[in-house]
Amino acid sequence: MTPRRKGSGSVYQVKDGRWRGTIEAGWTSKGTRRRITVSAKTEREALRKLRDKERDIARIGLPAEGAGRTLTVKAWAEQWLSIRVTQVRQDGYTADRSAITTWIIPTIGHIRLERLSATHVRQVIDKVSAKRAASTAVRTHSVLRQCLKAALAEGHTIPPSVFAVPPPKLGESPREDIPLPHARLILATALKRDDASRWFAAFLQGLRPAEARGLTWDALDLDELTMDVSWQLKALRYNTPRDRSSGFRIPADHEVRHLVDAWHLVRPKTAAGKRIIPLVDPMPELLTSWKASSPASPYGLVWPGLGGRPKKDPEDQADWKSLIEMAGVAREDRAYDLYEARHTTGTLLSSLNVPEPVIIRIMGHSSMISTKAYIHASLDESRVALEQVSTKLLEIA
């Protein structure tokens, strides 16, 4: 056995010929001595590993009990996902799982956590960038960082260099606002349909598709002329996909309302997503007309799907596609995206010099510069702003 200074551990050779180094690390939860160990083919390599481990302990402290050096990225990522499912919304968990199983594990899953390097992180980014949009690469890089930070918090050794790799640059979104002449044609065409209120809400209220599909009649006040946008329609996953009696994957701090099957009304991700929006002409009249002729929905949905059930996104998108085809408008290279109606609302509000707090209130955005002490936009200010948008959209082209 090689002598070392008192309290710094020891290096010795075991029966199979390898060299092992140990550091005394107090006591385990079971009351037995706890030792941190390293292993190598030669004494010199074992001594080097032991010095590296001592430096790690001095820098970040002792690893958590049970946090082994041999844990691979794949093994840890699978553990992390089992924790993650209880912490985030379903959409967030699904995106995290996709990044882990599609890109991270296939690329670096076999690498041990303590052997990760900046090169490995770049390998993941390069693999995604070669096959997917920049937004997917950015998302995957973010998931990898979160996963490894969680491993570090659990006491696993993660080299600092992996956190120094900058995220890939995010390209411009292909979504744009719809040019005003085309927006007017779409709305003029919508007036020929029973569901005109759905499309006017997209342009005048700036509703996200999931917000529109989750809107209920009790959220509308046709006397005070307001719309309470506090829920979105989502289909949640069952705890056990093949067993519908197993309940749903709902993080403890998330508020949901069950409708039918997997369909739920879910609160927005941020408090800014919950908002009261004024109804401006011609929304009150369109909604009153639609209420008299719309399909009955046992769930009180304003724009339900077939049989009054929650409307699926493909159904909503198909109705939008039908509308813009009737209007005969499109971009040179593609059809207009439904979400671009919301972009149009934001662009018009900005072009009309509406103050930023009012735009934030109407659109349900959060802002880095917004705090609780930030100027509070009144409902009256929002109404004036949307009346200007309505005037712009309904002018004769």
Protein backbone atom coordinates (compact mmCIF):
# COMPACT_ATOMS: atom_id res chain seq x y z
CA MET A 1 0.00 0.00 0.00
CA THR A 2 1.30 3.46 -0.93
CA PRO A 3 1.49 5.74 2.13
CA ARG A 4 -0.36 9.06 1.86
CA ARG A 5 -0.87 11.96 4.22
CA LYS A 6 -3.28 11.32 7.09
CA GLY A 7 -6.95 11.66 6.13
CA SER A 8 -6.25 11.79 2.39
CA GLY A 9 -7.04 8.17 1.59
CA SER A 10 -4.86 5.42 0.19
CA VAL A 11 -3.96 3.57 -3.00
CA TYR A 12 -3.55 -0.22 -3.09
CA GLN A 13 -3.57 -3.12 -5.53
CA VAL A 14 -6.43 -5.64 -5.52
CA LYS A 15 -6.47 -9.32 -6.50
CA ASP A 16 -7.30 -8.76 -10.18
CA GLY A 17 -4.18 -6.61 -10.58
CA ARG A 18 -5.94 -3.24 -10.77
CA TRP A 19 -5.15 -0.36 -8.43
CA ARG A 20 -7.78 1.21 -6.24
CA GLY A 21 -7.76 4.52 -4.44
CA THR A 22 -10.05 5.40 -1.52
CA ILE A 23 -10.95 8.56 0.37
CA GLU A 24 -12.63 8.42 3.77
CA ALA A 25 -15.95 10.30 3.52
CA GLY A 26 -17.57 9.95 6.92
CA TRP A 27 -20.50 7.65 7.55
CA THR A 28 -23.36 6.28 5.44
CA SER A 29 -27.05 6.60 6.31
CA LYS A 30 -26.80 3.01 7.63
CA GLY A 31 -24.03 3.92 10.08
CA THR A 32 -21.19 2.25 8.18
CA ARG A 33 -17.99 3.94 7.00
CA ARG A 34 -18.36 5.68 3.67
CA ARG A 35 -15.47 5.62 1.21
CA ILE A 36 -15.14 7.33 -2.16
CA THR A 37 -13.20 5.05 -4.54
CA VAL A 38 -11.41 5.26 -7.88
CA SER A 39 -9.93 2.45 -9.96
CA ALA A 40 -7.19 2.23 -12.61
CA LYS A 41 -4.83 -0.21 -14.32
CA THR A 42 -1.69 1.36 -12.84
CA GLU A 43 -0.72 2.87 -9.52
CA ARG A 44 0.22 6.16 -11.17
CA GLU A 45 -3.20 6.42 -12.87
CA ALA A 46 -4.97 5.57 -9.60
CA LEU A 47 -3.01 8.31 -7.82
CA ARG A 48 -3.94 10.82 -10.55
CA LYS A 49 -7.62 9.89 -10.33
CA LEU A 50 -7.52 10.19 -6.56
CA ARG A 51 -6.02 13.69 -6.77
CA ASP A 52 -8.70 14.66 -9.34
CA LYS A 53 -11.42 13.36 -7.04
CA GLU A 54 -9.99 15.31 -4.10
CA ARG A 55 -10.05 18.50 -6.20
CA ASP A 56 -13.67 17.80 -7.21
CA ILE A 57 -14.65 17.35 -3.56
CA ALA A 58 -12.86 20.56 -2.59
CA ARG A 59 -14.66 22.43 -5.40
CA ILE A 60 -18.24 21.10 -5.20
CA GLY A 61 -18.31 19.02 -2.03
CA LEU A 62 -18.89 15.32 -1.47
CA PRO A 63 -21.18 13.59 -3.97
CA ALA A 64 -24.55 12.51 -2.64
CA GLU A 65 -24.66 9.04 -1.17
CA GLY A 66 -25.32 6.57 -3.97
CA ALA A 67 -24.17 8.94 -6.74
CA GLY A 68 -21.82 6.63 -8.59
CA ARG A 69 -19.12 7.71 -11.06
CA THR A 70 -20.12 5.03 -13.55
CA LEU A 71 -23.59 6.49 -14.24
CA THR A 72 -24.05 7.16 -17.95
CA VAL A 73 -25.95 10.00 -19.57
CA LYS A 74 -28.63 7.49 -20.62
CA ALA A 75 -29.06 6.09 -17.10
CA TRP A 76 -29.27 9.54 -15.52
CA ALA A 77 -31.54 11.01 -18.22
CA GLU A 78 -34.05 8.20 -17.70
CA GLN A 79 -34.02 8.87 -13.95
CA TRP A 80 -34.44 12.60 -14.59
CA LEU A 81 -37.45 12.05 -16.84
CA SER A 82 -39.15 9.99 -14.14
CA ILE A 83 -38.80 13.02 -11.84
CA ARG A 84 -39.54 15.59 -14.54
CA VAL A 85 -42.98 14.15 -15.31
CA THR A 86 -44.19 15.31 -11.88
CA GLN A 87 -42.71 18.81 -12.20
CA VAL A 88 -43.76 20.29 -15.53
CA ARG A 89 -46.78 20.53 -17.80
CA GLN A 90 -47.50 17.74 -20.21
CA ASP A 91 -46.37 19.72 -23.25
CA GLY A 92 -43.10 20.54 -21.50
CA TYR A 93 -42.54 16.94 -20.42
CA THR A 94 -43.31 15.63 -23.90
CA ALA A 95 -40.80 18.07 -25.42
CA ASP A 96 -38.17 17.14 -22.81
CA ARG A 97 -38.69 13.41 -23.39
CA SER A 98 -38.47 13.88 -27.16
CA ALA A 99 -35.15 15.75 -26.84
CA ILE A 100 -33.77 13.08 -24.52
CA THR A 101 -34.88 10.01 -26.49
CA THR A 102 -34.48 11.36 -30.02
CA TRP A 103 -31.22 13.29 -29.77
CA ILE A 104 -29.38 13.17 -26.45
CA ILE A 105 -29.39 9.45 -25.64
CA PRO A 106 -28.67 8.26 -29.22
CA THR A 107 -25.74 10.72 -29.48
CA ILE A 108 -24.04 10.68 -26.06
CA GLY A 109 -26.10 8.27 -23.95
CA HIS A 110 -23.15 5.88 -23.58
CA ILE A 111 -20.84 8.54 -22.12
CA ARG A 112 -20.31 8.52 -18.36
CA LEU A 113 -21.36 11.72 -16.65
CA GLU A 114 -17.94 12.57 -15.25
CA ARG A 115 -16.35 12.13 -18.71
CA LEU A 116 -18.62 14.57 -20.52
CA SER A 117 -16.98 17.47 -22.31
CA ALA A 118 -17.92 20.52 -24.33
CA THR A 119 -17.28 18.41 -27.44
CA HIS A 120 -20.09 16.04 -26.47
CA VAL A 121 -22.52 18.93 -26.06
CA ARG A 122 -21.58 20.27 -29.47
CA GLN A 123 -22.06 16.80 -30.96
CA VAL A 124 -25.68 16.84 -29.80
CA ILE A 125 -26.26 20.35 -31.17
CA ASP A 126 -24.66 19.43 -34.51
CA LYS A 127 -26.74 16.26 -34.82
CA VAL A 128 -29.99 18.15 -34.27
CA SER A 129 -28.99 21.10 -36.47
CA ALA A 130 -28.24 18.78 -39.38
CA LYS A 131 -31.78 17.43 -39.44
CA ARG A 132 -34.11 19.89 -37.71
CA ALA A 133 -34.84 23.61 -37.41
CA ALA A 134 -32.71 25.85 -35.21
CA SER A 135 -35.53 26.04 -32.65
CA THR A 136 -35.25 22.27 -32.05
CA ALA A 137 -31.49 22.56 -31.54
CA VAL A 138 -32.01 25.40 -29.04
CA ARG A 139 -34.65 23.40 -27.18
CA THR A 140 -32.47 20.26 -27.07
CA HIS A 141 -29.49 22.21 -25.76
CA SER A 142 -31.69 23.71 -23.03
CA VAL A 143 -33.02 20.26 -22.02
CA LEU A 144 -29.48 18.84 -21.86
CA ARG A 145 -28.35 21.70 -19.59
CA GLN A 146 -31.36 21.25 -17.28
CA CYS A 147 -30.78 17.51 -17.13
CA LEU A 148 -27.09 17.89 -16.27
CA LYS A 149 -27.71 20.67 -13.73
CA ALA A 150 -30.13 18.34 -11.98
CA ALA A 151 -27.43 15.63 -11.98
CA LEU A 152 -24.97 18.11 -10.44
CA ALA A 153 -27.52 18.99 -7.75
CA GLU A 154 -27.85 15.28 -6.95
CA GLY A 155 -24.11 15.07 -6.30
CA HIS A 156 -22.93 13.59 -9.59
CA THR A 157 -19.70 14.89 -11.07
CA ILE A 158 -20.31 17.03 -14.17
CA PRO A 159 -17.29 18.81 -15.74
CA PRO A 160 -17.88 22.61 -15.77
CA SER A 161 -16.96 22.85 -19.47
CA VAL A 162 -20.29 21.30 -20.53
CA PHE A 163 -22.15 24.33 -19.17
CA ALA A 164 -19.93 26.78 -21.02
CA VAL A 165 -21.14 25.77 -24.49
CA PRO A 166 -23.39 28.58 -25.81
CA PRO A 167 -26.79 27.68 -27.27
CA PRO A 168 -27.14 27.60 -31.06
CA LYS A 169 -28.42 30.77 -32.67
CA LEU A 170 -32.16 30.81 -33.18
CA GLY A 171 -33.21 31.68 -36.71
CA GLU A 172 -36.15 33.94 -37.46
CA SER A 173 -39.59 32.38 -37.13
CA PRO A 174 -41.32 31.77 -40.47
CA ARG A 175 -44.50 33.14 -38.91
CA GLU A 176 -45.35 36.72 -39.82
CA ASP A 177 -48.35 38.97 -39.54
CA ILE A 178 -50.95 38.71 -42.30
CA PRO A 179 -50.89 41.78 -44.60
CA LEU A 180 -53.82 44.07 -43.82
CA PRO A 181 -55.58 43.72 -47.24
CA HIS A 182 -55.53 39.93 -46.89
CA ALA A 183 -56.66 40.07 -43.26
CA ARG A 184 -59.64 42.18 -44.34
CA LEU A 185 -60.51 39.70 -47.10
CA ILE A 186 -60.37 36.80 -44.63
CA LEU A 187 -62.72 38.57 -42.22
CA ALA A 188 -65.09 39.65 -45.01
CA THR A 189 -65.26 35.99 -46.05
CA ALA A 190 -65.75 34.88 -42.45
CA LEU A 191 -68.90 37.02 -42.25
CA LYS A 192 -70.50 34.64 -44.77
CA ARG A 193 -70.06 31.72 -42.36
CA ASP A 194 -71.86 30.80 -39.15
CA ASP A 195 -68.57 30.53 -37.24
CA ALA A 196 -67.41 34.08 -38.08
CA SER A 197 -66.95 34.84 -34.37
CA ARG A 198 -64.15 32.23 -34.13
CA TRP A 199 -62.02 34.02 -36.73
CA PHE A 200 -62.82 37.54 -35.58
CA ALA A 201 -61.68 36.45 -32.10
CA ALA A 202 -58.36 35.33 -33.59
CA PHE A 203 -57.77 38.75 -35.14
CA LEU A 204 -59.50 41.11 -32.69
CA GLN A 205 -58.73 39.41 -29.36
CA GLY A 206 -55.40 37.86 -30.39
CA LEU A 207 -56.44 34.46 -28.99
CA ARG A 208 -54.07 31.52 -29.18
CA PRO A 209 -55.74 28.49 -30.85
CA ALA A 210 -55.78 26.51 -27.59
CA GLU A 211 -57.34 29.50 -25.80
CA ALA A 212 -60.09 29.77 -28.39
CA ARG A 213 -60.84 26.04 -28.27
CA GLY A 214 -60.96 26.19 -24.46
CA LEU A 215 -63.19 29.27 -24.21
CA THR A 216 -66.50 28.64 -22.43
CA TRP A 217 -69.70 30.68 -22.47
CA ASP A 218 -69.42 31.44 -18.75
CA ALA A 219 -66.15 33.26 -19.54
CA LEU A 220 -68.04 35.76 -21.70
CA ASP A 221 -69.96 38.72 -20.30
CA LEU A 222 -72.06 40.11 -23.13
CA ASP A 223 -73.46 42.81 -20.83
CA GLU A 224 -70.09 44.14 -19.64
CA LEU A 225 -68.55 43.21 -23.02
CA THR A 226 -65.58 41.28 -21.68
CA MET A 227 -63.90 37.94 -22.34
CA ASP A 228 -62.08 36.09 -19.54
CA VAL A 229 -59.15 34.20 -21.09
CA SER A 230 -57.95 32.00 -18.23
CA TRP A 231 -57.89 28.49 -19.67
CA GLN A 232 -56.53 26.53 -22.61
CA LEU A 233 -57.80 23.24 -24.02
CA LYS A 234 -55.29 20.39 -23.68
CA ALA A 235 -55.41 16.60 -23.91
CA LEU A 236 -53.43 15.25 -20.94
CA ARG A 237 -51.65 11.90 -20.86
CA TYR A 238 -52.84 9.02 -18.71
CA ASN A 239 -50.43 7.74 -16.03
CA THR A 240 -50.65 4.36 -17.74
CA PRO A 241 -51.47 4.87 -21.46
CA ARG A 242 -53.33 1.54 -21.79
CA ASP A 243 -55.29 1.99 -18.58
CA ARG A 244 -57.70 4.94 -18.64
CA SER A 245 -58.57 4.39 -15.00
CA SER A 246 -54.98 5.17 -14.00
CA GLY A 247 -55.57 8.92 -13.80
CA PHE A 248 -53.67 11.71 -15.54
CA ARG A 249 -50.16 13.13 -15.36
CA ILE A 250 -50.82 16.42 -13.59
CA PRO A 251 -48.05 18.25 -11.71
CA ALA A 252 -49.17 19.03 -8.17
CA ASP A 253 -49.04 22.81 -8.60
CA HIS A 254 -51.07 22.92 -11.83
CA GLU A 255 -54.76 23.75 -11.92
CA VAL A 256 -56.91 21.83 -14.39
CA ARG A 257 -60.59 21.16 -15.08
CA HIS A 258 -61.50 17.78 -16.53
CA LEU A 259 -64.02 17.79 -19.40
CA VAL A 260 -64.18 14.35 -21.00
CA ASP A 261 -61.74 11.53 -21.80
CA ALA A 262 -58.25 13.08 -21.84
CA TRP A 263 -59.54 16.60 -22.49
CA HIS A 264 -58.92 19.23 -19.82
CA LEU A 265 -59.01 22.96 -19.40
CA VAL A 266 -55.55 23.97 -18.20
CA ARG A 267 -54.37 27.25 -16.73
CA PRO A 268 -51.80 29.20 -18.80
CA LYS A 269 -48.10 28.72 -17.99
CA THR A 270 -47.75 32.23 -16.57
CA ALA A 271 -50.02 34.62 -14.68
CA ALA A 272 -49.79 36.98 -17.67
CA GLY A 273 -51.63 34.37 -19.74
CA LYS A 274 -54.75 34.90 -17.62
CA ARG A 275 -56.41 38.11 -18.71
CA ILE A 276 -59.68 39.98 -19.23
CA ILE A 277 -60.06 41.24 -22.81
CA PRO A 278 -62.74 43.75 -23.86
CA LEU A 279 -65.14 42.72 -26.61
CA VAL A 280 -65.31 45.33 -29.37
CA ASP A 281 -67.58 45.56 -32.39
CA PRO A 282 -68.57 43.38 -34.12
CA MET A 283 -67.72 40.63 -31.57
CA PRO A 284 -70.80 41.02 -29.30
CA GLU A 285 -73.21 40.72 -32.22
CA LEU A 286 -71.30 37.83 -33.79
CA LEU A 287 -71.18 35.92 -30.50
CA THR A 288 -74.88 36.48 -29.83
CA SER A 289 -75.72 35.14 -33.28
CA TRP A 290 -73.37 32.19 -32.88
CA LYS A 291 -74.80 31.26 -29.49
CA ALA A 292 -78.23 30.85 -31.06
CA SER A 293 -76.99 28.57 -33.85
CA SER A 294 -73.87 26.86 -32.51
CA PRO A 295 -73.74 23.11 -31.77
CA ALA A 296 -74.81 22.31 -28.22
CA SER A 297 -71.85 21.50 -26.00
CA PRO A 298 -72.36 19.78 -22.63
CA TYR A 299 -69.07 21.37 -21.57
CA GLY A 300 -70.14 24.92 -22.35
CA LEU A 301 -67.52 25.38 -25.07
CA VAL A 302 -68.03 28.39 -27.31
CA TRP A 303 -66.49 26.76 -30.39
CA PRO A 304 -66.89 23.00 -29.88
CA GLY A 305 -65.96 20.20 -32.24
CA LEU A 306 -68.11 17.42 -33.63
CA GLY A 307 -71.00 16.46 -31.36
CA GLY A 308 -70.27 19.33 -29.00
CA ARG A 309 -67.05 17.66 -27.84
CA PRO A 310 -63.79 19.54 -27.32
CA LYS A 311 -62.44 20.58 -30.71
CA LYS A 312 -59.19 18.97 -31.78
CA ASP A 313 -56.46 21.14 -33.22
CA PRO A 314 -56.61 19.40 -36.65
CA GLU A 315 -60.33 20.23 -36.85
CA ASP A 316 -59.62 23.88 -36.04
CA GLN A 317 -56.79 24.02 -38.57
CA ALA A 318 -59.00 22.43 -41.26
CA ASP A 319 -61.70 25.07 -40.69
CA TRP A 320 -59.06 27.81 -40.95
CA LYS A 321 -57.70 26.31 -44.17
CA SER A 322 -61.21 26.22 -45.60
CA LEU A 323 -61.71 29.89 -44.70
CA ILE A 324 -58.51 31.20 -46.31
CA GLU A 325 -59.17 29.10 -49.42
CA MET A 326 -62.63 30.68 -49.65
CA ALA A 327 -60.98 34.10 -49.28
CA GLY A 328 -58.47 33.23 -52.01
CA VAL A 329 -55.44 34.56 -50.13
CA ALA A 330 -52.03 33.07 -49.37
CA ARG A 331 -48.36 33.89 -49.26
CA GLU A 332 -46.30 33.29 -52.38
CA ASP A 333 -44.68 30.17 -50.91
CA ARG A 334 -47.26 28.83 -48.46
CA ALA A 335 -50.68 29.20 -46.89
CA TYR A 336 -51.24 31.47 -43.91
CA ASP A 337 -50.82 29.87 -40.51
CA LEU A 338 -53.68 30.26 -38.02
CA TYR A 339 -51.25 31.59 -35.41
CA GLU A 340 -50.40 34.44 -37.80
CA ALA A 341 -53.81 35.99 -37.10
CA ARG A 342 -52.53 36.58 -33.55
CA HIS A 343 -49.30 38.02 -34.95
CA THR A 344 -51.46 40.44 -36.94
CA THR A 345 -53.16 41.64 -33.76
CA GLY A 346 -49.80 42.33 -32.14
CA THR A 347 -48.44 44.12 -35.22
CA LEU A 348 -51.51 46.36 -35.49
CA LEU A 349 -51.38 47.24 -31.81
CA SER A 350 -47.73 48.21 -32.17
CA SER A 351 -48.28 50.20 -35.38
CA LEU A 352 -51.05 52.17 -33.63
CA ASN A 353 -48.52 53.18 -30.95
CA VAL A 354 -50.44 51.41 -28.22
CA PRO A 355 -48.38 51.53 -24.98
CA GLU A 356 -46.41 48.37 -24.21
CA PRO A 357 -48.27 47.57 -20.95
CA VAL A 358 -51.58 47.59 -22.86
CA ILE A 359 -50.22 45.29 -25.57
CA ILE A 360 -48.88 42.92 -22.90
CA ARG A 361 -52.28 42.88 -21.20
CA ILE A 362 -54.20 42.14 -24.40
CA MET A 363 -51.82 39.56 -25.82
CA GLY A 364 -51.12 37.76 -22.55
CA HIS A 365 -47.35 38.13 -22.92
CA SER A 366 -44.86 38.15 -20.11
CA SER A 367 -41.91 40.52 -20.30
CA MET A 368 -38.47 40.63 -18.77
CA ILE A 369 -39.09 44.25 -17.83
CA SER A 370 -42.55 43.62 -16.43
CA THR A 371 -42.88 43.37 -12.66
CA LYS A 372 -45.75 43.61 -10.20
CA ALA A 373 -44.85 47.26 -9.78
CA TYR A 374 -45.09 47.86 -13.54
CA ILE A 375 -47.77 50.22 -14.83
CA HIS A 376 -51.12 48.41 -14.79
CA ALA A 377 -53.04 48.78 -18.04
CA SER A 378 -56.73 49.41 -17.42
CA LEU A 379 -59.58 47.63 -19.19
CA ASP A 380 -60.63 50.97 -20.69
CA GLU A 381 -57.19 51.43 -22.25
CA SER A 382 -57.36 47.93 -23.71
CA ARG A 383 -60.82 48.63 -25.13
CA VAL A 384 -59.67 51.82 -26.85
CA ALA A 385 -56.69 49.96 -28.34
CA LEU A 386 -58.81 47.09 -29.69
CA GLU A 387 -61.40 49.48 -31.09
CA GLN A 388 -58.59 50.97 -33.16
CA VAL A 389 -57.59 47.48 -34.33
CA SER A 390 -61.20 46.74 -35.25
CA THR A 391 -61.44 49.98 -37.23
CA LYS A 392 -58.27 49.10 -39.14
CA LEU A 393 -59.38 45.55 -39.93
CA LEU A 394 -62.89 46.50 -41.00
CA GLU A 395 -62.00 49.47 -43.21
CA ILE A 396 -62.90 48.98 -46.85
CA ALA A 397 -59.72 47.95 -48.64
